[in-house]
């Protein structure tokens, strides 16, 4: 497997993006638990699913670079 090399700034940017996606997911989860409108629930679930895919993709980039995934929380 080929190791990707990323600099410290790229690593920090990716970690920042992961944190932003995690915050978005938390908010969407709260809104999802509060709404009874099925159309809104569907949109919020799509948002959660898309955010999880983004987080997974960003973590994969960090892992390919030989770094630990996530934000260290």
PDB file of N, CA and C in Angstrom:
ATOM      1  N   UNK A   1       0.841  -1.184   0.000  1.00  0.00           N
ATOM      2  CA  UNK A   1       0.000   0.000   0.000  1.00  0.00           C
ATOM      3  C   UNK A   1       0.883   1.244   0.000  1.00  0.00           C
ATOM      4  N   UNK A   2       0.554   2.166  -0.861  1.00  0.00           N
ATOM      5  CA  UNK A   2       1.319   3.400  -0.991  1.00  0.00           C
ATOM      6  C   UNK A   2       0.894   4.395   0.087  1.00  0.00           C
ATOM      7  N   UNK A   3       1.880   4.927   0.801  1.00  0.00           N
ATOM      8  CA  UNK A   3       1.591   5.916   1.847  1.00  0.00           C
ATOM      9  C   UNK A   3       1.487   7.305   1.225  1.00  0.00           C
ATOM     10  N   UNK A   4       0.422   7.985   1.528  1.00  0.00           N
ATOM     11  CA  UNK A   4       0.230   9.355   1.090  1.00  0.00           C
ATOM     12  C   UNK A   4       0.955  10.267   2.081  1.00  0.00           C
ATOM     13  N   UNK A   5       1.545  11.321   1.571  1.00  0.00           N
ATOM     14  CA  UNK A   5       2.211  12.281   2.444  1.00  0.00           C
ATOM     15  C   UNK A   5       1.401  13.573   2.462  1.00  0.00           C
ATOM     16  N   UNK A   6       1.067  14.017   3.659  1.00  0.00           N
ATOM     17  CA  UNK A   6       0.399  15.310   3.789  1.00  0.00           C
ATOM     18  C   UNK A   6       1.148  16.125   4.830  1.00  0.00           C
ATOM     19  N   UNK A   7       1.105  17.416   4.653  1.00  0.00           N
ATOM     20  CA  UNK A   7       1.779  18.312   5.577  1.00  0.00           C
ATOM     21  C   UNK A   7       0.940  18.582   6.814  1.00  0.00           C
ATOM     22  N   UNK A   8       1.548  19.264   7.746  1.00  0.00           N
ATOM     23  CA  UNK A   8       0.870  19.583   9.007  1.00  0.00           C
ATOM     24  C   UNK A   8      -0.372  20.442   8.765  1.00  0.00           C
ATOM     25  N   UNK A   9      -0.284  21.394   7.835  1.00  0.00           N
ATOM     26  CA  UNK A   9      -1.431  22.267   7.556  1.00  0.00           C
ATOM     27  C   UNK A   9      -2.594  21.466   6.971  1.00  0.00           C
ATOM     28  N   UNK A  10      -2.286  20.543   6.041  1.00  0.00           N
ATOM     29  CA  UNK A  10      -3.352  19.706   5.487  1.00  0.00           C
ATOM     30  C   UNK A  10      -3.985  18.844   6.572  1.00  0.00           C
ATOM     31  N   UNK A  11      -3.148  18.289   7.453  1.00  0.00           N
ATOM     32  CA  UNK A  11      -3.658  17.466   8.554  1.00  0.00           C
ATOM     33  C   UNK A  11      -4.600  18.288   9.436  1.00  0.00           C
ATOM     34  N   UNK A  12      -4.190  19.498   9.782  1.00  0.00           N
ATOM     35  CA  UNK A  12      -5.026  20.358  10.621  1.00  0.00           C
ATOM     36  C   UNK A  12      -6.330  20.723   9.919  1.00  0.00           C
ATOM     37  N   UNK A  13      -6.255  20.981   8.616  1.00  0.00           N
ATOM     38  CA  UNK A  13      -7.464  21.307   7.854  1.00  0.00           C
ATOM     39  C   UNK A  13      -8.426  20.125   7.814  1.00  0.00           C
ATOM     40  N   UNK A  14      -7.892  18.928   7.605  1.00  0.00           N
ATOM     41  CA  UNK A  14      -8.738  17.735   7.578  1.00  0.00           C
ATOM     42  C   UNK A  14      -9.381  17.515   8.942  1.00  0.00           C
ATOM     43  N   UNK A  15      -8.611  17.671  10.003  1.00  0.00           N
ATOM     44  CA  UNK A  15      -9.171  17.516  11.349  1.00  0.00           C
ATOM     45  C   UNK A  15     -10.252  18.559  11.618  1.00  0.00           C
ATOM     46  N   UNK A  16     -10.058  19.765  11.118  1.00  0.00           N
ATOM     47  CA  UNK A  16     -11.064  20.814  11.273  1.00  0.00           C
ATOM     48  C   UNK A  16     -12.342  20.451  10.516  1.00  0.00           C
ATOM     49  N   UNK A  17     -12.189  19.901   9.314  1.00  0.00           N
ATOM     50  CA  UNK A  17     -13.350  19.471   8.539  1.00  0.00           C
ATOM     51  C   UNK A  17     -14.099  18.347   9.249  1.00  0.00           C
ATOM     52  N   UNK A  18     -13.357  17.426   9.853  1.00  0.00           N
ATOM     53  CA  UNK A  18     -13.997  16.339  10.599  1.00  0.00           C
ATOM     54  C   UNK A  18     -14.799  16.905  11.765  1.00  0.00           C
ATOM     55  N   UNK A  19     -14.210  17.836  12.498  1.00  0.00           N
ATOM     56  CA  UNK A  19     -14.933  18.454  13.621  1.00  0.00           C
ATOM     57  C   UNK A  19     -16.202  19.156  13.135  1.00  0.00           C
ATOM     58  N   UNK A  20     -16.111  19.860  12.019  1.00  0.00           N
ATOM     59  CA  UNK A  20     -17.281  20.559  11.478  1.00  0.00           C
ATOM     60  C   UNK A  20     -18.375  19.560  11.099  1.00  0.00           C
ATOM     61  N   UNK A  21     -17.997  18.453  10.475  1.00  0.00           N
ATOM     62  CA  UNK A  21     -18.978  17.422  10.116  1.00  0.00           C
ATOM     63  C   UNK A  21     -19.604  16.808  11.363  1.00  0.00           C
ATOM     64  N   UNK A  22     -18.794  16.594  12.405  1.00  0.00           N
ATOM     65  CA  UNK A  22     -19.323  16.031  13.650  1.00  0.00           C
ATOM     66  C   UNK A  22     -20.322  16.978  14.306  1.00  0.00           C
ATOM     67  N   UNK A  23     -20.029  18.264  14.288  1.00  0.00           N
ATOM     68  CA  UNK A  23     -20.951  19.262  14.853  1.00  0.00           C
ATOM     69  C   UNK A  23     -22.249  19.288  14.056  1.00  0.00           C
ATOM     70  N   UNK A  24     -22.131  19.269  12.743  1.00  0.00           N
ATOM     71  CA  UNK A  24     -23.316  19.252  11.880  1.00  0.00           C
ATOM     72  C   UNK A  24     -24.167  18.016  12.170  1.00  0.00           C
ATOM     73  N   UNK A  25     -23.518  16.868  12.329  1.00  0.00           N
ATOM     74  CA  UNK A  25     -24.243  15.624  12.606  1.00  0.00           C
ATOM     75  C   UNK A  25     -24.966  15.698  13.946  1.00  0.00           C
ATOM     76  N   UNK A  26     -24.317  16.260  14.949  1.00  0.00           N
ATOM     77  CA  UNK A  26     -24.957  16.390  16.263  1.00  0.00           C
ATOM     78  C   UNK A  26     -26.194  17.275  16.182  1.00  0.00           C
ATOM     79  N   UNK A  27     -26.083  18.378  15.460  1.00  0.00           N
ATOM     80  CA  UNK A  27     -27.230  19.276  15.314  1.00  0.00           C
ATOM     81  C   UNK A  27     -28.355  18.598  14.548  1.00  0.00           C
ATOM     82  N   UNK A  28     -28.012  17.920  13.456  1.00  0.00           N
ATOM     83  CA  UNK A  28     -29.030  17.234  12.664  1.00  0.00           C
ATOM     84  C   UNK A  28     -29.720  16.157  13.492  1.00  0.00           C
ATOM     85  N   UNK A  29     -28.959  15.466  14.340  1.00  0.00           N
ATOM     86  CA  UNK A  29     -29.543  14.431  15.198  1.00  0.00           C
ATOM     87  C   UNK A  29     -30.538  15.037  16.189  1.00  0.00           C
ATOM     88  N   UNK A  30     -30.194  16.192  16.751  1.00  0.00           N
ATOM     89  CA  UNK A  30     -31.112  16.873  17.670  1.00  0.00           C
ATOM     90  C   UNK A  30     -32.384  17.276  16.931  1.00  0.00           C
ATOM     91  N   UNK A  31     -32.222  17.884  15.753  1.00  0.00           N
ATOM     92  CA  UNK A  31     -33.394  18.300  14.988  1.00  0.00           C
ATOM     93  C   UNK A  31     -34.240  17.093  14.590  1.00  0.00           C
ATOM     94  N   UNK A  32     -33.569  15.996  14.215  1.00  0.00           N
ATOM     95  CA  UNK A  32     -34.280  14.779  13.826  1.00  0.00           C
ATOM     96  C   UNK A  32     -35.130  14.255  14.980  1.00  0.00           C
ATOM     97  N   UNK A  33     -34.602  14.335  16.178  1.00  0.00           N
ATOM     98  CA  UNK A  33     -35.344  13.838  17.344  1.00  0.00           C
ATOM     99  C   UNK A  33     -36.512  14.749  17.714  1.00  0.00           C
ATOM    100  N   UNK A  34     -36.507  15.978  17.210  1.00  0.00           N
ATOM    101  CA  UNK A  34     -37.540  16.940  17.589  1.00  0.00           C
ATOM    102  C   UNK A  34     -38.656  17.098  16.563  1.00  0.00           C
ATOM    103  N   UNK A  35     -38.431  16.659  15.330  1.00  0.00           N
ATOM    104  CA  UNK A  35     -39.443  16.878  14.299  1.00  0.00           C
ATOM    105  C   UNK A  35     -40.305  15.637  14.098  1.00  0.00           C
ATOM    106  N   UNK A  36     -41.549  15.887  13.718  1.00  0.00           N
ATOM    107  CA  UNK A  36     -42.463  14.795  13.399  1.00  0.00           C
ATOM    108  C   UNK A  36     -42.765  14.775  11.900  1.00  0.00           C
ATOM    109  N   UNK A  37     -42.316  15.790  11.196  1.00  0.00           N
ATOM    110  CA  UNK A  37     -42.543  15.892   9.754  1.00  0.00           C
ATOM    111  C   UNK A  37     -41.647  14.883   9.027  1.00  0.00           C
ATOM    112  N   UNK A  38     -42.280  13.946   8.317  1.00  0.00           N
ATOM    113  CA  UNK A  38     -41.509  12.885   7.671  1.00  0.00           C
ATOM    114  C   UNK A  38     -40.588  13.409   6.573  1.00  0.00           C
ATOM    115  N   UNK A  39     -41.008  14.446   5.864  1.00  0.00           N
ATOM    116  CA  UNK A  39     -40.155  15.013   4.819  1.00  0.00           C
ATOM    117  C   UNK A  39     -38.893  15.614   5.434  1.00  0.00           C
ATOM    118  N   UNK A  40     -39.068  16.331   6.524  1.00  0.00           N
ATOM    119  CA  UNK A  40     -37.921  16.926   7.222  1.00  0.00           C
ATOM    120  C   UNK A  40     -37.041  15.823   7.804  1.00  0.00           C
ATOM    121  N   UNK A  41     -37.669  14.793   8.372  1.00  0.00           N
ATOM    122  CA  UNK A  41     -36.896  13.670   8.904  1.00  0.00           C
ATOM    123  C   UNK A  41     -36.044  13.029   7.808  1.00  0.00           C
ATOM    124  N   UNK A  42     -36.622  12.879   6.630  1.00  0.00           N
ATOM    125  CA  UNK A  42     -35.878  12.299   5.507  1.00  0.00           C
ATOM    126  C   UNK A  42     -34.676  13.138   5.120  1.00  0.00           C
ATOM    127  N   UNK A  43     -34.870  14.444   5.056  1.00  0.00           N
ATOM    128  CA  UNK A  43     -33.756  15.342   4.721  1.00  0.00           C
ATOM    129  C   UNK A  43     -32.667  15.314   5.786  1.00  0.00           C
ATOM    130  N   UNK A  44     -33.080  15.298   7.032  1.00  0.00           N
ATOM    131  CA  UNK A  44     -32.101  15.251   8.118  1.00  0.00           C
ATOM    132  C   UNK A  44     -31.340  13.928   8.112  1.00  0.00           C
ATOM    133  N   UNK A  45     -32.039  12.829   7.811  1.00  0.00           N
ATOM    134  CA  UNK A  45     -31.359  11.533   7.741  1.00  0.00           C
ATOM    135  C   UNK A  45     -30.360  11.518   6.592  1.00  0.00           C
ATOM    136  N   UNK A  46     -30.724  12.116   5.458  1.00  0.00           N
ATOM    137  CA  UNK A  46     -29.786  12.227   4.335  1.00  0.00           C
ATOM    138  C   UNK A  46     -28.560  13.038   4.739  1.00  0.00           C
ATOM    139  N   UNK A  47     -28.790  14.110   5.485  1.00  0.00           N
ATOM    140  CA  UNK A  47     -27.690  14.941   5.973  1.00  0.00           C
ATOM    141  C   UNK A  47     -26.773  14.137   6.881  1.00  0.00           C
ATOM    142  N   UNK A  48     -27.356  13.358   7.783  1.00  0.00           N
ATOM    143  CA  UNK A  48     -26.561  12.518   8.681  1.00  0.00           C
ATOM    144  C   UNK A  48     -25.750  11.487   7.898  1.00  0.00           C
ATOM    145  N   UNK A  49     -26.390  10.838   6.925  1.00  0.00           N
ATOM    146  CA  UNK A  49     -25.701   9.822   6.127  1.00  0.00           C
ATOM    147  C   UNK A  49     -24.553  10.428   5.324  1.00  0.00           C
ATOM    148  N   UNK A  50     -24.814  11.568   4.704  1.00  0.00           N
ATOM    149  CA  UNK A  50     -23.784  12.239   3.909  1.00  0.00           C
ATOM    150  C   UNK A  50     -22.624  12.679   4.798  1.00  0.00           C
ATOM    151  N   UNK A  51     -22.946  13.218   5.958  1.00  0.00           N
ATOM    152  CA  UNK A  51     -21.904  13.644   6.889  1.00  0.00           C
ATOM    153  C   UNK A  51     -21.038  12.482   7.337  1.00  0.00           C
ATOM    154  N   UNK A  52     -21.668  11.325   7.596  1.00  0.00           N
ATOM    155  CA  UNK A  52     -20.899  10.147   8.011  1.00  0.00           C
ATOM    156  C   UNK A  52     -19.966   9.687   6.894  1.00  0.00           C
ATOM    157  N   UNK A  53     -20.445   9.757   5.653  1.00  0.00           N
ATOM    158  CA  UNK A  53     -19.572   9.398   4.518  1.00  0.00           C
ATOM    159  C   UNK A  53     -18.398  10.361   4.423  1.00  0.00           C
ATOM    160  N   UNK A  54     -18.655  11.648   4.643  1.00  0.00           N
ATOM    161  CA  UNK A  54     -17.571  12.639   4.611  1.00  0.00           C
ATOM    162  C   UNK A  54     -16.548  12.359   5.710  1.00  0.00           C
ATOM    163  N   UNK A  55     -17.036  12.091   6.920  1.00  0.00           N
ATOM    164  CA  UNK A  55     -16.135  11.797   8.038  1.00  0.00           C
ATOM    165  C   UNK A  55     -15.292  10.564   7.720  1.00  0.00           C
ATOM    166  N   UNK A  56     -15.920   9.532   7.181  1.00  0.00           N
ATOM    167  CA  UNK A  56     -15.186   8.312   6.835  1.00  0.00           C
ATOM    168  C   UNK A  56     -14.126   8.585   5.775  1.00  0.00           C
ATOM    169  N   UNK A  57     -14.482   9.374   4.767  1.00  0.00           N
ATOM    170  CA  UNK A  57     -13.525   9.693   3.706  1.00  0.00           C
ATOM    171  C   UNK A  57     -12.347  10.497   4.251  1.00  0.00           C
ATOM    172  N   UNK A  58     -12.633  11.460   5.107  1.00  0.00           N
ATOM    173  CA  UNK A  58     -11.561  12.274   5.686  1.00  0.00           C
ATOM    174  C   UNK A  58     -10.666  11.440   6.596  1.00  0.00           C
ATOM    175  N   UNK A  59     -11.264  10.553   7.385  1.00  0.00           N
ATOM    176  CA  UNK A  59     -10.469   9.664   8.230  1.00  0.00           C
ATOM    177  C   UNK A  59      -9.602   8.739   7.382  1.00  0.00           C
ATOM    178  N   UNK A  60     -10.127   8.294   6.241  1.00  0.00           N
ATOM    179  CA  UNK A  60      -9.348   7.437   5.344  1.00  0.00           C
ATOM    180  C   UNK A  60      -8.120   8.167   4.819  1.00  0.00           C
ATOM    181  N   UNK A  61      -8.285   9.438   4.507  1.00  0.00           N
ATOM    182  CA  UNK A  61      -7.144  10.228   4.036  1.00  0.00           C
ATOM    183  C   UNK A  61      -6.067  10.282   5.112  1.00  0.00           C
ATOM    184  N   UNK A  62      -6.484  10.534   6.349  1.00  0.00           N
ATOM    185  CA  UNK A  62      -5.511  10.577   7.448  1.00  0.00           C
ATOM    186  C   UNK A  62      -4.837   9.220   7.636  1.00  0.00           C
ATOM    187  N   UNK A  63      -5.603   8.153   7.542  1.00  0.00           N
ATOM    188  CA  UNK A  63      -5.040   6.814   7.719  1.00  0.00           C
ATOM    189  C   UNK A  63      -4.068   6.470   6.597  1.00  0.00           C
ATOM    190  N   UNK A  64      -4.407   6.847   5.357  1.00  0.00           N
ATOM    191  CA  UNK A  64      -3.510   6.595   4.232  1.00  0.00           C
ATOM    192  C   UNK A  64      -2.197   7.344   4.394  1.00  0.00           C
ATOM    193  N   UNK A  65      -2.248   8.461   5.106  1.00  0.00           N
ATOM    194  CA  UNK A  65      -1.038   9.247   5.347  1.00  0.00           C
ATOM    195  C   UNK A  65      -0.288   8.738   6.577  1.00  0.00           C
ATOM    196  N   UNK A  66      -0.812   7.668   7.185  1.00  0.00           N
ATOM    197  CA  UNK A  66      -0.150   7.098   8.350  1.00  0.00           C
ATOM    198  C   UNK A  66      -0.440   7.837   9.636  1.00  0.00           C
ATOM    199  N   UNK A  67      -1.492   8.619   9.644  1.00  0.00           N
ATOM    200  CA  UNK A  67      -1.880   9.388  10.828  1.00  0.00           C
ATOM    201  C   UNK A  67      -3.124   8.767  11.431  1.00  0.00           C
ATOM    202  N   UNK A  68      -3.358   9.049  12.695  1.00  0.00           N
ATOM    203  CA  UNK A  68      -4.575   8.540  13.315  1.00  0.00           C
ATOM    204  C   UNK A  68      -5.755   9.348  12.818  1.00  0.00           C
ATOM    205  N   UNK A  69      -6.889   8.689  12.681  1.00  0.00           N
ATOM    206  CA  UNK A  69      -8.091   9.367  12.230  1.00  0.00           C
ATOM    207  C   UNK A  69      -8.725  10.168  13.333  1.00  0.00           C
ATOM    208  N   UNK A  70      -9.707  10.958  12.962  1.00  0.00           N
ATOM    209  CA  UNK A  70     -10.489  11.693  13.953  1.00  0.00           C
ATOM    210  C   UNK A  70      -9.808  12.949  14.441  1.00  0.00           C
ATOM    211  N   UNK A  71     -10.397  13.477  15.490  1.00  0.00           N
ATOM    212  CA  UNK A  71      -9.971  14.777  15.996  1.00  0.00           C
ATOM    213  C   UNK A  71      -9.248  14.680  17.315  1.00  0.00           C
ATOM    214  N   UNK A  72      -9.062  13.466  17.792  1.00  0.00           N
ATOM    215  CA  UNK A  72      -8.371  13.309  19.060  1.00  0.00           C
ATOM    216  C   UNK A  72      -9.248  13.488  20.256  1.00  0.00           C
ATOM    217  N   UNK A  73     -10.579  13.498  20.069  1.00  0.00           N
ATOM    218  CA  UNK A  73     -11.526  13.657  21.181  1.00  0.00           C
ATOM    219  C   UNK A  73     -11.893  12.316  21.717  1.00  0.00           C
TER     220      UNK A  73
END
